[in-house]
């Protein structure tokens, strides 16, 4: 009677060990992905600040509201 119970218990312990390993692997993967996302968000914010600075510079130079330059005569 105890043989089938021992086998089932051993099987459950093996499954639990595999599931723990899978959870650990998934957690590590999730942490790596979150780190990448955080880096990309910081890069986007930096690019946004740079773009805003360029736009402000253009508007300060008076280039923002003027008509486009006409094409050269040979065009």
Protein backbone atom coordinates (compact mmCIF):
# COMPACT_ATOMS: atom_id res chain seq x y z
CA UNK A 1 0.00 0.00 0.00
CA UNK A 2 2.82 2.43 0.74
CA UNK A 3 4.66 1.77 -2.54
CA UNK A 4 2.15 3.60 -4.76
CA UNK A 5 1.93 6.43 -2.21
CA UNK A 6 5.73 6.73 -2.08
CA UNK A 7 5.91 6.76 -5.88
CA UNK A 8 3.25 9.45 -6.11
CA UNK A 9 4.98 11.51 -3.45
CA UNK A 10 8.33 11.19 -5.25
CA UNK A 11 6.65 12.15 -8.53
CA UNK A 12 5.09 15.22 -6.92
CA UNK A 13 8.43 16.24 -5.42
CA UNK A 14 10.11 15.93 -8.81
CA UNK A 15 7.36 17.99 -10.44
CA UNK A 16 7.65 20.64 -7.73
CA UNK A 17 11.40 20.84 -8.25
CA UNK A 18 10.95 21.29 -12.00
CA UNK A 19 8.28 23.94 -11.45
CA UNK A 20 10.51 25.82 -9.01
CA UNK A 21 13.29 25.79 -11.59
CA UNK A 22 10.91 27.01 -14.31
CA UNK A 23 9.66 29.83 -12.06
CA UNK A 24 13.24 30.88 -11.29
CA UNK A 25 14.11 30.89 -15.00
CA UNK A 26 11.02 32.94 -15.84
CA UNK A 27 11.76 35.39 -13.04
CA UNK A 28 15.31 35.94 -14.31
CA UNK A 29 13.99 36.46 -17.82
CA UNK A 30 11.38 38.92 -16.60
CA UNK A 31 13.99 40.90 -14.67
CA UNK A 32 16.25 41.09 -17.75
CA UNK A 33 13.36 42.26 -19.90
CA UNK A 34 12.33 44.88 -17.33
CA UNK A 35 15.90 46.20 -17.26
CA UNK A 36 15.85 46.51 -21.06
CA UNK A 37 12.48 48.28 -20.94
CA UNK A 38 13.77 50.71 -18.33
CA UNK A 39 16.84 51.47 -20.47
CA UNK A 40 14.69 52.02 -23.56
CA UNK A 41 12.34 54.33 -21.68
CA UNK A 42 15.31 56.39 -20.52
CA UNK A 43 16.62 56.57 -24.09
CA UNK A 44 13.21 57.71 -25.34
CA UNK A 45 13.10 60.42 -22.68
CA UNK A 46 16.60 61.59 -23.65
CA UNK A 47 15.66 61.70 -27.32
CA UNK A 48 12.48 63.59 -26.47
CA UNK A 49 14.47 66.17 -24.51
CA UNK A 50 16.96 66.51 -27.38
CA UNK A 51 14.16 66.94 -29.93
CA UNK A 52 12.43 69.52 -27.77
CA UNK A 53 15.75 71.40 -27.45
CA UNK A 54 16.26 71.35 -31.22
CA UNK A 55 12.70 72.57 -31.81
CA UNK A 56 13.18 75.39 -29.31
CA UNK A 57 16.47 76.32 -30.95
CA UNK A 58 14.81 76.47 -34.36
CA UNK A 59 11.99 78.64 -33.08
CA UNK A 60 14.50 80.96 -31.35
CA UNK A 61 16.43 81.31 -34.63
CA UNK A 62 13.25 82.32 -36.42
CA UNK A 63 13.23 79.24 -38.64
CA UNK A 64 9.99 77.88 -37.34
CA UNK A 65 7.37 80.06 -39.03
CA UNK A 66 9.06 81.16 -42.22
CA UNK A 67 8.15 79.92 -45.66
CA UNK A 68 10.35 77.19 -47.09
CA UNK A 69 13.36 78.26 -49.09
CA UNK A 70 12.64 78.30 -52.85
CA UNK A 71 14.44 75.71 -54.97
CA UNK A 72 17.62 76.82 -56.75
CA UNK A 73 17.28 78.10 -60.35
CA UNK A 74 18.71 74.97 -61.92
CA UNK A 75 16.12 72.77 -60.23
